[in-house]
Amino acid sequence: MRDGSPEAPAGWGDGLRFAFGTLSVLRVRVERWDRPTAGRAMTAAPVVGLALGALAAGAGAAVAWRAGGLLGAVTAVGVLAALTRGLHLDGLADVADGLGSGKPAQDALRIMKQSDIGPFGVLTLVLVLLAQVAALAGQFDASPARGALAVLASATAARCALAWGCARPVPAARPGGLGAMVAGTVPLGAAAASTACSALLLAALGLSDGWSVLRLPLAVAVGLGCSWLLLRRCVRRFDGITGDVLGAMAETAATGTLLALALLG
């Protein structure tokens, strides 16, 4: 990778490469590593969600068709975790440990940087993964297509949450790391437009099931609301965001979306 020239404006191609190279295991050559490109990347993050979600949805639907909804749900959740190297799950566990420690901001941030996972992190991971699998199993039991749409909606909501987590004027909690690179790089209007486009696309994909036209965007809104509550808590607790906070927001948005879909039927 090389830093982009500060004179050259960041393009959407640079942003997409940054997004896929940072948020997935896909082998993408990231040619620019600067804040303008990071802003483009986080605005375009839902595109990554759609791509990874489509892969996980296809795998989950195929397994559900042959082996039942529960195995389809486990497959979809596992594929998404593999396609991100568990990046967001790791962030969720670290944030749970940091929030659960009850220590001052700098001590909590130090706990989050440690490589091990504490009891709060383990408990949170277990509960979140169980909730995701249980919610998806119900969708796949209804039909493989409905389960696939649920996977796609949750993966997209997770990446929409990243745009809001990097929206201005949310600060970085510490000077180094991914959080400092992306914090405050996304204009609020860009985050709103990215989310709106994602919701419209999901609504269009749900046309085959009339209720899903409303159900999918509504569930995404619920998931993003849950992630916003977490963001608000983390900014107050840590004085800003980190890469771990963004990962936790993604998993929170995904889980909130799936739970909303389960409750909406």
Protein backbone atom coordinates (compact mmCIF):
# COMPACT_ATOMS: atom_id res chain seq x y z
CA MET A 1 0.00 0.00 0.00
CA ARG A 2 1.06 3.54 -0.55
CA ASP A 3 -0.30 6.79 0.79
CA GLY A 4 -2.30 8.76 -1.75
CA SER A 5 -1.02 12.14 -2.89
CA PRO A 6 -2.61 14.82 -0.72
CA GLU A 7 -3.22 16.89 -3.88
CA ALA A 8 -5.24 14.16 -5.59
CA PRO A 9 -8.87 13.93 -4.43
CA ALA A 10 -10.03 10.54 -3.25
CA GLY A 11 -12.21 8.72 -5.77
CA TRP A 12 -14.96 6.19 -5.15
CA GLY A 13 -12.78 3.47 -6.66
CA ASP A 14 -10.13 4.20 -4.02
CA GLY A 15 -12.81 4.16 -1.36
CA LEU A 16 -14.23 0.82 -2.46
CA ARG A 17 -10.78 -0.76 -2.50
CA PHE A 18 -10.14 0.62 0.98
CA ALA A 19 -13.53 -0.70 2.17
CA PHE A 20 -13.12 -4.20 0.77
CA GLY A 21 -9.46 -4.40 1.80
CA THR A 22 -10.23 -3.33 5.37
CA LEU A 23 -13.62 -4.94 5.99
CA SER A 24 -13.24 -8.31 4.27
CA VAL A 25 -10.81 -11.13 3.54
CA LEU A 26 -11.10 -10.46 -0.19
CA ARG A 27 -7.70 -9.77 -1.70
CA VAL A 28 -7.92 -6.15 -2.79
CA ARG A 29 -4.96 -3.87 -3.41
CA VAL A 30 -5.45 -0.73 -1.31
CA GLU A 31 -3.59 2.05 -3.09
CA ARG A 32 -4.52 4.97 -0.86
CA TRP A 33 -4.50 5.08 2.93
CA ASP A 34 -5.61 8.54 4.04
CA ARG A 35 -8.60 10.14 5.71
CA PRO A 36 -10.37 11.35 2.55
CA THR A 37 -10.22 7.80 1.17
CA ALA A 38 -11.33 6.42 4.53
CA GLY A 39 -14.38 8.67 4.37
CA ARG A 40 -15.28 7.34 0.94
CA ALA A 41 -14.72 3.79 2.19
CA MET A 42 -17.00 4.09 5.20
CA THR A 43 -19.70 5.78 3.11
CA ALA A 44 -19.48 2.89 0.64
CA ALA A 45 -19.27 0.24 3.37
CA PRO A 46 -22.86 -0.98 2.69
CA VAL A 47 -21.62 -2.19 -0.72
CA VAL A 48 -19.28 -4.52 1.16
CA GLY A 49 -22.24 -5.64 3.26
CA LEU A 50 -24.26 -6.44 0.14
CA ALA A 51 -21.40 -8.43 -1.38
CA LEU A 52 -20.55 -10.42 1.74
CA GLY A 53 -24.22 -10.78 2.64
CA ALA A 54 -24.98 -12.22 -0.80
CA LEU A 55 -22.27 -14.87 -0.39
CA ALA A 56 -23.46 -15.81 3.11
CA ALA A 57 -27.12 -15.72 2.06
CA GLY A 58 -26.47 -18.06 -0.86
CA ALA A 59 -24.56 -20.52 1.31
CA GLY A 60 -27.16 -20.41 4.08
CA ALA A 61 -30.09 -20.84 1.69
CA ALA A 62 -28.44 -23.83 -0.01
CA VAL A 63 -27.83 -25.57 3.31
CA ALA A 64 -31.29 -24.68 4.64
CA TRP A 65 -32.90 -26.14 1.50
CA ARG A 66 -31.17 -29.48 2.06
CA ALA A 67 -30.65 -29.69 5.82
CA GLY A 68 -33.10 -27.33 7.55
CA GLY A 69 -33.24 -23.79 8.84
CA LEU A 70 -30.99 -24.22 11.87
CA LEU A 71 -28.01 -25.47 9.89
CA GLY A 72 -28.69 -22.82 7.26
CA ALA A 73 -28.53 -20.14 9.93
CA VAL A 74 -25.30 -21.50 11.41
CA THR A 75 -23.80 -21.61 7.91
CA ALA A 76 -24.75 -18.02 7.12
CA VAL A 77 -23.39 -16.69 10.41
CA GLY A 78 -20.21 -18.73 10.02
CA VAL A 79 -19.61 -17.59 6.44
CA LEU A 80 -20.02 -13.94 7.42
CA ALA A 81 -17.57 -14.38 10.29
CA ALA A 82 -15.07 -16.09 7.99
CA LEU A 83 -15.38 -13.40 5.32
CA THR A 84 -14.44 -10.74 7.89
CA ARG A 85 -11.88 -12.84 9.84
CA GLY A 86 -14.18 -12.33 12.83
CA LEU A 87 -13.15 -8.66 12.88
CA HIS A 88 -16.48 -7.29 14.08
CA LEU A 89 -17.01 -10.09 16.60
CA ASP A 90 -13.57 -9.38 18.07
CA GLY A 91 -14.49 -5.70 18.37
CA LEU A 92 -17.77 -6.60 20.08
CA ALA A 93 -15.98 -8.73 22.67
CA ASP A 94 -13.37 -6.04 23.34
CA VAL A 95 -15.98 -3.32 23.78
CA ALA A 96 -17.97 -5.56 26.14
CA ASP A 97 -14.85 -6.05 28.25
CA GLY A 98 -14.07 -2.33 28.20
CA LEU A 99 -17.58 -1.27 29.16
CA GLY A 100 -17.91 -4.02 31.73
CA SER A 101 -14.63 -3.21 33.45
CA GLY A 102 -16.02 -0.10 35.13
CA LYS A 103 -12.59 1.52 34.85
CA PRO A 104 -11.71 5.06 33.67
CA ALA A 105 -11.59 5.65 29.93
CA GLN A 106 -7.86 5.16 29.40
CA ASP A 107 -7.75 1.98 31.50
CA ALA A 108 -10.80 0.63 29.66
CA LEU A 109 -9.15 1.36 26.31
CA ARG A 110 -6.05 -0.47 27.48
CA ILE A 111 -8.18 -3.50 28.37
CA MET A 112 -9.75 -3.40 24.91
CA LYS A 113 -6.33 -3.51 23.24
CA GLN A 114 -5.31 -6.70 25.05
CA SER A 115 -5.33 -9.86 22.94
CA ASP A 116 -7.28 -11.98 25.42
CA ILE A 117 -11.05 -11.93 25.93
CA GLY A 118 -12.53 -11.46 29.39
CA PRO A 119 -15.77 -12.82 30.85
CA PHE A 120 -17.90 -9.92 29.63
CA GLY A 121 -16.61 -10.44 26.11
CA VAL A 122 -17.20 -14.19 26.15
CA LEU A 123 -20.74 -13.84 27.51
CA THR A 124 -21.60 -11.14 24.98
CA LEU A 125 -20.27 -13.19 22.05
CA VAL A 126 -22.21 -16.27 23.10
CA LEU A 127 -25.48 -14.38 23.54
CA VAL A 128 -25.14 -12.41 20.31
CA LEU A 129 -24.26 -15.44 18.19
CA LEU A 130 -27.09 -17.45 19.73
CA ALA A 131 -29.52 -14.60 19.03
CA GLN A 132 -28.36 -14.30 15.41
CA VAL A 133 -28.60 -18.04 14.76
CA ALA A 134 -31.99 -18.36 16.46
CA ALA A 135 -33.45 -15.40 14.57
CA LEU A 136 -32.09 -16.58 11.24
CA ALA A 137 -33.24 -20.16 11.81
CA GLY A 138 -36.82 -18.94 12.00
CA GLN A 139 -36.43 -17.01 8.75
CA PHE A 140 -34.87 -19.98 6.94
CA ASP A 141 -37.58 -22.28 8.31
CA ALA A 142 -40.17 -19.99 6.72
CA SER A 143 -38.37 -20.30 3.39
CA PRO A 144 -34.77 -20.29 2.10
CA ALA A 145 -35.52 -17.08 0.19
CA ARG A 146 -36.78 -15.28 3.29
CA GLY A 147 -33.73 -16.43 5.23
CA ALA A 148 -31.44 -15.20 2.47
CA LEU A 149 -33.09 -11.77 2.54
CA ALA A 150 -32.65 -11.63 6.32
CA VAL A 151 -28.94 -12.38 5.98
CA LEU A 152 -28.58 -9.71 3.32
CA ALA A 153 -30.46 -7.13 5.41
CA SER A 154 -28.42 -7.79 8.54
CA ALA A 155 -25.09 -7.66 6.70
CA THR A 156 -26.07 -4.42 5.00
CA ALA A 157 -27.32 -2.84 8.23
CA ALA A 158 -24.03 -3.73 9.91
CA ARG A 159 -22.06 -1.76 7.31
CA CYS A 160 -24.51 1.14 7.32
CA ALA A 161 -23.73 1.40 11.03
CA LEU A 162 -20.06 1.93 10.18
CA ALA A 163 -20.93 5.04 8.17
CA TRP A 164 -22.86 6.48 11.12
CA GLY A 165 -20.06 5.56 13.53
CA CYS A 166 -17.63 7.57 11.39
CA ALA A 167 -19.98 10.50 10.89
CA ARG A 168 -18.97 14.01 11.85
CA PRO A 169 -18.40 15.15 14.53
CA VAL A 170 -17.79 11.82 16.36
CA PRO A 171 -14.17 11.94 17.63
CA ALA A 172 -11.52 9.23 17.93
CA ALA A 173 -10.89 7.87 21.42
CA ARG A 174 -7.13 7.65 20.86
CA PRO A 175 -4.68 9.03 18.30
CA GLY A 176 -3.64 5.76 16.64
CA GLY A 177 -5.35 2.84 14.92
CA LEU A 178 -8.21 2.45 12.48
CA GLY A 179 -10.58 4.49 14.64
CA ALA A 180 -8.38 7.58 14.37
CA MET A 181 -8.10 7.08 10.60
CA VAL A 182 -11.86 6.97 9.97
CA ALA A 183 -13.40 8.99 12.83
CA GLY A 184 -15.33 12.03 11.63
CA THR A 185 -14.64 11.37 7.94
CA VAL A 186 -18.26 10.85 6.79
CA PRO A 187 -20.62 13.83 6.39
CA LEU A 188 -23.99 13.24 7.99
CA GLY A 189 -25.70 13.71 4.63
CA ALA A 190 -23.52 11.04 3.06
CA ALA A 191 -24.30 8.57 5.85
CA ALA A 192 -28.03 9.26 5.44
CA ALA A 193 -27.86 8.88 1.65
CA SER A 194 -25.90 5.64 1.90
CA THR A 195 -28.42 4.21 4.35
CA ALA A 196 -31.40 5.36 2.28
CA CYS A 197 -30.02 3.77 -0.89
CA SER A 198 -29.40 0.53 0.98
CA ALA A 199 -32.95 0.53 2.38
CA LEU A 200 -34.45 1.16 -1.05
CA LEU A 201 -32.45 -1.68 -2.56
CA LEU A 202 -33.55 -4.07 0.19
CA ALA A 203 -37.15 -2.98 -0.32
CA ALA A 204 -36.82 -3.72 -4.03
CA LEU A 205 -35.37 -7.16 -3.31
CA GLY A 206 -38.34 -7.85 -1.04
CA LEU A 207 -40.92 -7.21 -3.77
CA SER A 208 -41.53 -10.95 -4.16
CA ASP A 209 -42.93 -10.92 -0.62
CA GLY A 210 -45.17 -7.87 -0.26
CA TRP A 211 -44.68 -7.46 3.50
CA SER A 212 -40.88 -7.60 3.10
CA VAL A 213 -40.97 -4.33 1.14
CA LEU A 214 -41.67 -2.60 4.46
CA ARG A 215 -40.31 -5.25 6.81
CA LEU A 216 -36.69 -5.18 5.62
CA PRO A 217 -36.13 -1.38 5.74
CA LEU A 218 -37.95 -1.17 9.07
CA ALA A 219 -35.77 -3.91 10.55
CA VAL A 220 -32.64 -2.13 9.29
CA ALA A 221 -33.83 1.08 10.97
CA VAL A 222 -34.29 -0.80 14.26
CA GLY A 223 -30.81 -2.31 13.96
CA LEU A 224 -29.25 1.08 13.28
CA GLY A 225 -31.12 2.52 16.24
CA CYS A 226 -29.58 -0.14 18.48
CA SER A 227 -26.11 0.60 17.11
CA TRP A 228 -26.64 4.33 17.68
CA LEU A 229 -27.42 3.69 21.35
CA LEU A 230 -24.16 1.74 21.63
CA LEU A 231 -22.26 4.53 19.87
CA ARG A 232 -23.68 7.11 22.25
CA ARG A 233 -22.65 5.01 25.24
CA CYS A 234 -19.13 4.41 23.91
CA VAL A 235 -18.52 8.06 23.08
CA ARG A 236 -19.52 9.02 26.62
CA ARG A 237 -17.51 6.19 28.16
CA PHE A 238 -14.35 6.28 26.01
CA ASP A 239 -14.49 9.90 24.77
CA GLY A 240 -14.73 8.71 21.16
CA ILE A 241 -14.62 5.69 18.90
CA THR A 242 -12.05 3.02 18.13
CA GLY A 243 -11.96 0.27 15.55
CA ASP A 244 -13.39 -2.04 18.20
CA VAL A 245 -16.34 0.29 18.74
CA LEU A 246 -17.08 0.22 15.02
CA GLY A 247 -16.97 -3.57 15.02
CA ALA A 248 -19.32 -3.69 18.00
CA MET A 249 -21.69 -1.29 16.25
CA ALA A 250 -21.74 -3.54 13.19
CA GLU A 251 -22.62 -6.65 15.19
CA THR A 252 -25.21 -4.72 17.21
CA ALA A 253 -26.89 -3.44 14.05
CA ALA A 254 -26.89 -6.92 12.50
CA THR A 255 -28.37 -8.52 15.61
CA GLY A 256 -30.95 -5.77 16.09
CA THR A 257 -32.04 -6.17 12.46
CA LEU A 258 -32.45 -9.94 12.80
CA LEU A 259 -34.39 -9.63 16.06
CA ALA A 260 -36.68 -7.05 14.46
CA LEU A 261 -37.32 -9.37 11.52
CA ALA A 262 -38.15 -12.19 13.92
CA LEU A 263 -40.61 -10.02 15.84
CA LEU A 264 -42.18 -8.63 12.67
CA GLY A 265 -42.82 -12.16 11.40
